[in-house]
């Protein structure tokens, strides 16, 4: 009631609850909203996958050329 919280305190609580519904993400993508860890994991996962694909592609090209020589 009004004897416990002032109207300005209730307004502050209401503004905070509204903020929690759609917080800003100034640091990047909102992947799970748990910080930069998932963003780094996604970058490492796709980066390592792309690197492995490139290495595999180069390996198959060089073995194909050595087989035909």
PDB file of N, CA and C in Angstrom:
ATOM      1  N   UNK A   1       0.808  -1.179   0.000  1.00  0.00           N
ATOM      2  CA  UNK A   1       0.000   0.000   0.000  1.00  0.00           C
ATOM      3  C   UNK A   1       0.858   1.252   0.000  1.00  0.00           C
ATOM      4  N   UNK A   2       0.189   2.366   0.069  1.00  0.00           N
ATOM      5  CA  UNK A   2       0.883   3.653   0.030  1.00  0.00           C
ATOM      6  C   UNK A   2       1.655   3.937   1.309  1.00  0.00           C
ATOM      7  N   UNK A   3       1.319   3.238   2.392  1.00  0.00           N
ATOM      8  CA  UNK A   3       2.052   3.452   3.635  1.00  0.00           C
ATOM      9  C   UNK A   3       3.414   2.747   3.619  1.00  0.00           C
ATOM     10  N   UNK A   4       3.613   1.788   2.701  1.00  0.00           N
ATOM     11  CA  UNK A   4       4.881   1.063   2.606  1.00  0.00           C
ATOM     12  C   UNK A   4       5.777   1.663   1.521  1.00  0.00           C
ATOM     13  N   UNK A   5       5.226   1.895   0.346  1.00  0.00           N
ATOM     14  CA  UNK A   5       5.983   2.443  -0.785  1.00  0.00           C
ATOM     15  C   UNK A   5       5.355   3.758  -1.251  1.00  0.00           C
ATOM     16  N   UNK A   6       6.213   4.688  -1.581  1.00  0.00           N
ATOM     17  CA  UNK A   6       5.720   5.975  -2.094  1.00  0.00           C
ATOM     18  C   UNK A   6       5.361   5.805  -3.573  1.00  0.00           C
ATOM     19  N   UNK A   7       4.577   6.729  -4.111  1.00  0.00           N
ATOM     20  CA  UNK A   7       4.234   6.639  -5.538  1.00  0.00           C
ATOM     21  C   UNK A   7       5.471   6.667  -6.448  1.00  0.00           C
ATOM     22  N   UNK A   8       6.495   7.409  -6.096  1.00  0.00           N
ATOM     23  CA  UNK A   8       7.696   7.435  -6.939  1.00  0.00           C
ATOM     24  C   UNK A   8       8.431   6.092  -6.882  1.00  0.00           C
ATOM     25  N   UNK A   9       8.424   5.436  -5.725  1.00  0.00           N
ATOM     26  CA  UNK A   9       9.046   4.117  -5.635  1.00  0.00           C
ATOM     27  C   UNK A   9       8.271   3.097  -6.471  1.00  0.00           C
ATOM     28  N   UNK A  10       6.938   3.172  -6.460  1.00  0.00           N
ATOM     29  CA  UNK A  10       6.127   2.278  -7.293  1.00  0.00           C
ATOM     30  C   UNK A  10       6.390   2.525  -8.778  1.00  0.00           C
ATOM     31  N   UNK A  11       6.545   3.801  -9.155  1.00  0.00           N
ATOM     32  CA  UNK A  11       6.864   4.122 -10.543  1.00  0.00           C
ATOM     33  C   UNK A  11       8.226   3.535 -10.939  1.00  0.00           C
ATOM     34  N   UNK A  12       9.200   3.625 -10.029  1.00  0.00           N
ATOM     35  CA  UNK A  12      10.520   3.062 -10.307  1.00  0.00           C
ATOM     36  C   UNK A  12      10.463   1.548 -10.476  1.00  0.00           C
ATOM     37  N   UNK A  13       9.693   0.877  -9.648  1.00  0.00           N
ATOM     38  CA  UNK A  13       9.541  -0.578  -9.744  1.00  0.00           C
ATOM     39  C   UNK A  13       8.858  -0.941 -11.060  1.00  0.00           C
ATOM     40  N   UNK A  14       7.819  -0.201 -11.428  1.00  0.00           N
ATOM     41  CA  UNK A  14       7.118  -0.465 -12.688  1.00  0.00           C
ATOM     42  C   UNK A  14       8.045  -0.242 -13.883  1.00  0.00           C
ATOM     43  N   UNK A  15       8.868   0.790 -13.847  1.00  0.00           N
ATOM     44  CA  UNK A  15       9.818   1.046 -14.939  1.00  0.00           C
ATOM     45  C   UNK A  15      10.844  -0.072 -15.030  1.00  0.00           C
ATOM     46  N   UNK A  16      11.304  -0.573 -13.900  1.00  0.00           N
ATOM     47  CA  UNK A  16      12.274  -1.669 -13.890  1.00  0.00           C
ATOM     48  C   UNK A  16      11.663  -2.945 -14.469  1.00  0.00           C
ATOM     49  N   UNK A  17      10.429  -3.238 -14.115  1.00  0.00           N
ATOM     50  CA  UNK A  17       9.757  -4.431 -14.639  1.00  0.00           C
ATOM     51  C   UNK A  17       9.582  -4.304 -16.151  1.00  0.00           C
ATOM     52  N   UNK A  18       9.241  -3.123 -16.632  1.00  0.00           N
ATOM     53  CA  UNK A  18       9.111  -2.903 -18.080  1.00  0.00           C
ATOM     54  C   UNK A  18      10.459  -3.092 -18.766  1.00  0.00           C
ATOM     55  N   UNK A  19      11.525  -2.627 -18.138  1.00  0.00           N
ATOM     56  CA  UNK A  19      12.865  -2.794 -18.699  1.00  0.00           C
ATOM     57  C   UNK A  19      13.235  -4.277 -18.798  1.00  0.00           C
ATOM     58  N   UNK A  20      12.870  -5.058 -17.798  1.00  0.00           N
ATOM     59  CA  UNK A  20      13.202  -6.485 -17.803  1.00  0.00           C
ATOM     60  C   UNK A  20      12.510  -7.250 -18.924  1.00  0.00           C
ATOM     61  N   UNK A  21      11.402  -6.727 -19.418  1.00  0.00           N
ATOM     62  CA  UNK A  21      10.692  -7.402 -20.511  1.00  0.00           C
ATOM     63  C   UNK A  21      11.477  -7.315 -21.820  1.00  0.00           C
ATOM     64  N   UNK A  22      12.205  -6.242 -22.044  1.00  0.00           N
ATOM     65  CA  UNK A  22      12.980  -6.074 -23.288  1.00  0.00           C
ATOM     66  C   UNK A  22      14.253  -5.292 -22.980  1.00  0.00           C
ATOM     67  N   UNK A  23      15.245  -5.931 -22.322  1.00  0.00           N
ATOM     68  CA  UNK A  23      16.475  -5.208 -22.002  1.00  0.00           C
ATOM     69  C   UNK A  23      17.289  -4.908 -23.255  1.00  0.00           C
ATOM     70  N   UNK A  24      18.106  -3.869 -23.171  1.00  0.00           N
ATOM     71  CA  UNK A  24      18.965  -3.503 -24.282  1.00  0.00           C
ATOM     72  C   UNK A  24      20.127  -4.493 -24.374  1.00  0.00           C
ATOM     73  N   UNK A  25      20.617  -4.673 -25.582  1.00  0.00           N
ATOM     74  CA  UNK A  25      21.758  -5.542 -25.817  1.00  0.00           C
ATOM     75  C   UNK A  25      22.844  -4.752 -26.540  1.00  0.00           C
ATOM     76  N   UNK A  26      23.516  -3.847 -25.838  1.00  0.00           N
ATOM     77  CA  UNK A  26      24.515  -3.028 -26.520  1.00  0.00           C
ATOM     78  C   UNK A  26      25.781  -3.793 -26.887  1.00  0.00           C
ATOM     79  N   UNK A  27      26.003  -4.959 -26.303  1.00  0.00           N
ATOM     80  CA  UNK A  27      27.241  -5.687 -26.526  1.00  0.00           C
ATOM     81  C   UNK A  27      27.208  -6.650 -27.681  1.00  0.00           C
ATOM     82  N   UNK A  28      26.075  -6.869 -28.296  1.00  0.00           N
ATOM     83  CA  UNK A  28      26.030  -7.821 -29.405  1.00  0.00           C
ATOM     84  C   UNK A  28      24.685  -8.508 -29.499  1.00  0.00           C
ATOM     85  N   UNK A  29      24.711  -9.735 -29.958  1.00  0.00           N
ATOM     86  CA  UNK A  29      23.486 -10.494 -30.144  1.00  0.00           C
ATOM     87  C   UNK A  29      22.933 -10.982 -28.806  1.00  0.00           C
ATOM     88  N   UNK A  30      21.615 -11.019 -28.664  1.00  0.00           N
ATOM     89  CA  UNK A  30      21.032 -11.470 -27.398  1.00  0.00           C
ATOM     90  C   UNK A  30      20.892 -12.984 -27.326  1.00  0.00           C
ATOM     91  N   UNK A  31      21.978 -13.715 -27.495  1.00  0.00           N
ATOM     92  CA  UNK A  31      21.917 -15.173 -27.472  1.00  0.00           C
ATOM     93  C   UNK A  31      21.775 -15.628 -26.023  1.00  0.00           C
ATOM     94  N   UNK A  32      20.567 -15.908 -25.610  1.00  0.00           N
ATOM     95  CA  UNK A  32      20.324 -16.381 -24.262  1.00  0.00           C
ATOM     96  C   UNK A  32      20.396 -15.312 -23.181  1.00  0.00           C
ATOM     97  N   UNK A  33      20.825 -14.115 -23.521  1.00  0.00           N
ATOM     98  CA  UNK A  33      20.948 -12.994 -22.582  1.00  0.00           C
ATOM     99  C   UNK A  33      21.781 -13.353 -21.352  1.00  0.00           C
ATOM    100  N   UNK A  34      22.851 -14.135 -21.568  1.00  0.00           N
ATOM    101  CA  UNK A  34      23.702 -14.483 -20.431  1.00  0.00           C
ATOM    102  C   UNK A  34      25.117 -13.964 -20.595  1.00  0.00           C
ATOM    103  N   UNK A  35      25.318 -13.019 -21.483  1.00  0.00           N
ATOM    104  CA  UNK A  35      26.619 -12.393 -21.604  1.00  0.00           C
ATOM    105  C   UNK A  35      27.377 -12.798 -22.844  1.00  0.00           C
ATOM    106  N   UNK A  36      28.658 -12.481 -22.875  1.00  0.00           N
ATOM    107  CA  UNK A  36      29.450 -12.714 -24.085  1.00  0.00           C
ATOM    108  C   UNK A  36      29.877 -14.166 -24.298  1.00  0.00           C
ATOM    109  N   UNK A  37      29.658 -15.020 -23.334  1.00  0.00           N
ATOM    110  CA  UNK A  37      30.105 -16.413 -23.469  1.00  0.00           C
ATOM    111  C   UNK A  37      29.450 -17.118 -24.650  1.00  0.00           C
ATOM    112  N   UNK A  38      28.123 -17.068 -24.818  1.00  0.00           N
ATOM    113  CA  UNK A  38      27.542 -17.778 -25.963  1.00  0.00           C
ATOM    114  C   UNK A  38      27.963 -17.183 -27.296  1.00  0.00           C
ATOM    115  N   UNK A  39      28.182 -15.864 -27.351  1.00  0.00           N
ATOM    116  CA  UNK A  39      28.635 -15.263 -28.607  1.00  0.00           C
ATOM    117  C   UNK A  39      30.014 -15.790 -28.974  1.00  0.00           C
ATOM    118  N   UNK A  40      30.903 -15.877 -27.997  1.00  0.00           N
ATOM    119  CA  UNK A  40      32.238 -16.403 -28.257  1.00  0.00           C
ATOM    120  C   UNK A  40      32.200 -17.858 -28.652  1.00  0.00           C
ATOM    121  N   UNK A  41      31.330 -18.629 -28.011  1.00  0.00           N
ATOM    122  CA  UNK A  41      31.210 -20.053 -28.350  1.00  0.00           C
ATOM    123  C   UNK A  41      30.727 -20.229 -29.781  1.00  0.00           C
ATOM    124  N   UNK A  42      29.743 -19.456 -30.173  1.00  0.00           N
ATOM    125  CA  UNK A  42      29.229 -19.554 -31.545  1.00  0.00           C
ATOM    126  C   UNK A  42      30.323 -19.176 -32.537  1.00  0.00           C
ATOM    127  N   UNK A  43      31.075 -18.132 -32.241  1.00  0.00           N
ATOM    128  CA  UNK A  43      32.151 -17.715 -33.137  1.00  0.00           C
ATOM    129  C   UNK A  43      33.220 -18.802 -33.247  1.00  0.00           C
ATOM    130  N   UNK A  44      33.622 -19.389 -32.134  1.00  0.00           N
ATOM    131  CA  UNK A  44      34.628 -20.459 -32.158  1.00  0.00           C
ATOM    132  C   UNK A  44      34.101 -21.684 -32.885  1.00  0.00           C
ATOM    133  N   UNK A  45      32.858 -22.028 -32.645  1.00  0.00           N
ATOM    134  CA  UNK A  45      32.258 -23.208 -33.263  1.00  0.00           C
ATOM    135  C   UNK A  45      32.242 -23.076 -34.784  1.00  0.00           C
ATOM    136  N   UNK A  46      31.711 -21.966 -35.291  1.00  0.00           N
ATOM    137  CA  UNK A  46      31.640 -21.781 -36.738  1.00  0.00           C
ATOM    138  C   UNK A  46      33.019 -21.527 -37.342  1.00  0.00           C
ATOM    139  N   UNK A  47      33.869 -20.813 -36.626  1.00  0.00           N
ATOM    140  CA  UNK A  47      35.221 -20.570 -37.119  1.00  0.00           C
ATOM    141  C   UNK A  47      36.015 -21.858 -37.234  1.00  0.00           C
ATOM    142  N   UNK A  48      35.962 -22.699 -36.218  1.00  0.00           N
ATOM    143  CA  UNK A  48      36.678 -23.981 -36.250  1.00  0.00           C
ATOM    144  C   UNK A  48      36.083 -24.896 -37.319  1.00  0.00           C
ATOM    145  N   UNK A  49      34.766 -24.879 -37.453  1.00  0.00           N
ATOM    146  CA  UNK A  49      34.128 -25.692 -38.491  1.00  0.00           C
ATOM    147  C   UNK A  49      34.546 -25.251 -39.884  1.00  0.00           C
ATOM    148  N   UNK A  50      34.591 -23.946 -40.105  1.00  0.00           N
ATOM    149  CA  UNK A  50      35.015 -23.430 -41.411  1.00  0.00           C
ATOM    150  C   UNK A  50      36.474 -23.775 -41.673  1.00  0.00           C
ATOM    151  N   UNK A  51      37.308 -23.661 -40.657  1.00  0.00           N
ATOM    152  CA  UNK A  51      38.718 -24.004 -40.816  1.00  0.00           C
ATOM    153  C   UNK A  51      38.900 -25.483 -41.157  1.00  0.00           C
ATOM    154  N   UNK A  52      38.161 -26.353 -40.495  1.00  0.00           N
ATOM    155  CA  UNK A  52      38.238 -27.786 -40.797  1.00  0.00           C
ATOM    156  C   UNK A  52      37.770 -28.090 -42.217  1.00  0.00           C
ATOM    157  N   UNK A  53      36.718 -27.422 -42.664  1.00  0.00           N
ATOM    158  CA  UNK A  53      36.242 -27.626 -44.033  1.00  0.00           C
ATOM    159  C   UNK A  53      37.287 -27.187 -45.054  1.00  0.00           C
ATOM    160  N   UNK A  54      37.935 -26.062 -44.802  1.00  0.00           N
ATOM    161  CA  UNK A  54      38.975 -25.573 -45.718  1.00  0.00           C
ATOM    162  C   UNK A  54      40.153 -26.546 -45.757  1.00  0.00           C
ATOM    163  N   UNK A  55      40.575 -27.016 -44.600  1.00  0.00           N
ATOM    164  CA  UNK A  55      41.688 -27.976 -44.548  1.00  0.00           C
ATOM    165  C   UNK A  55      41.309 -29.260 -45.277  1.00  0.00           C
ATOM    166  N   UNK A  56      40.111 -29.735 -45.074  1.00  0.00           N
ATOM    167  CA  UNK A  56      39.653 -30.950 -45.763  1.00  0.00           C
ATOM    168  C   UNK A  56      39.626 -30.740 -47.270  1.00  0.00           C
ATOM    169  N   UNK A  57      39.119 -29.580 -47.702  1.00  0.00           N
ATOM    170  CA  UNK A  57      39.035 -29.267 -49.130  1.00  0.00           C
ATOM    171  C   UNK A  57      40.434 -29.200 -49.748  1.00  0.00           C
ATOM    172  N   UNK A  58      41.371 -28.546 -49.062  1.00  0.00           N
ATOM    173  CA  UNK A  58      42.740 -28.466 -49.571  1.00  0.00           C
ATOM    174  C   UNK A  58      43.362 -29.863 -49.615  1.00  0.00           C
ATOM    175  N   UNK A  59      43.118 -30.676 -48.618  1.00  0.00           N
ATOM    176  CA  UNK A  59      43.660 -32.031 -48.589  1.00  0.00           C
ATOM    177  C   UNK A  59      43.132 -32.892 -49.717  1.00  0.00           C
ATOM    178  N   UNK A  60      41.851 -32.768 -50.023  1.00  0.00           N
ATOM    179  CA  UNK A  60      41.289 -33.564 -51.115  1.00  0.00           C
ATOM    180  C   UNK A  60      41.797 -33.076 -52.462  1.00  0.00           C
ATOM    181  N   UNK A  61      42.046 -31.800 -52.594  1.00  0.00           N
ATOM    182  CA  UNK A  61      42.572 -31.269 -53.860  1.00  0.00           C
ATOM    183  C   UNK A  61      43.993 -31.746 -54.089  1.00  0.00           C
ATOM    184  N   UNK A  62      44.809 -31.726 -53.034  1.00  0.00           N
ATOM    185  CA  UNK A  62      46.204 -32.120 -53.216  1.00  0.00           C
ATOM    186  C   UNK A  62      46.313 -33.642 -53.443  1.00  0.00           C
ATOM    187  N   UNK A  63      45.472 -34.431 -52.803  1.00  0.00           N
ATOM    188  CA  UNK A  63      45.535 -35.880 -53.023  1.00  0.00           C
ATOM    189  C   UNK A  63      44.995 -36.230 -54.402  1.00  0.00           C
ATOM    190  N   UNK A  64      44.050 -35.479 -54.930  1.00  0.00           N
ATOM    191  CA  UNK A  64      43.535 -35.719 -56.270  1.00  0.00           C
ATOM    192  C   UNK A  64      44.609 -35.390 -57.306  1.00  0.00           C
ATOM    193  N   UNK A  65      45.339 -34.325 -57.090  1.00  0.00           N
ATOM    194  CA  UNK A  65      46.386 -33.936 -58.033  1.00  0.00           C
ATOM    195  C   UNK A  65      47.548 -34.936 -58.000  1.00  0.00           C
ATOM    196  N   UNK A  66      47.917 -35.427 -56.813  1.00  0.00           N
ATOM    197  CA  UNK A  66      49.032 -36.376 -56.732  1.00  0.00           C
ATOM    198  C   UNK A  66      48.637 -37.737 -57.308  1.00  0.00           C
ATOM    199  N   UNK A  67      47.356 -38.105 -57.234  1.00  0.00           N
ATOM    200  CA  UNK A  67      46.901 -39.368 -57.803  1.00  0.00           C
ATOM    201  C   UNK A  67      46.910 -39.320 -59.330  1.00  0.00           C
ATOM    202  N   UNK A  68      46.622 -38.181 -59.919  1.00  0.00           N
ATOM    203  CA  UNK A  68      46.557 -38.072 -61.369  1.00  0.00           C
ATOM    204  C   UNK A  68      47.940 -37.843 -61.996  1.00  0.00           C
ATOM    205  N   UNK A  69      48.959 -37.549 -61.215  1.00  0.00           N
ATOM    206  CA  UNK A  69      50.294 -37.274 -61.762  1.00  0.00           C
ATOM    207  C   UNK A  69      51.082 -38.532 -61.993  1.00  0.00           C
TER     208      UNK A  69
END
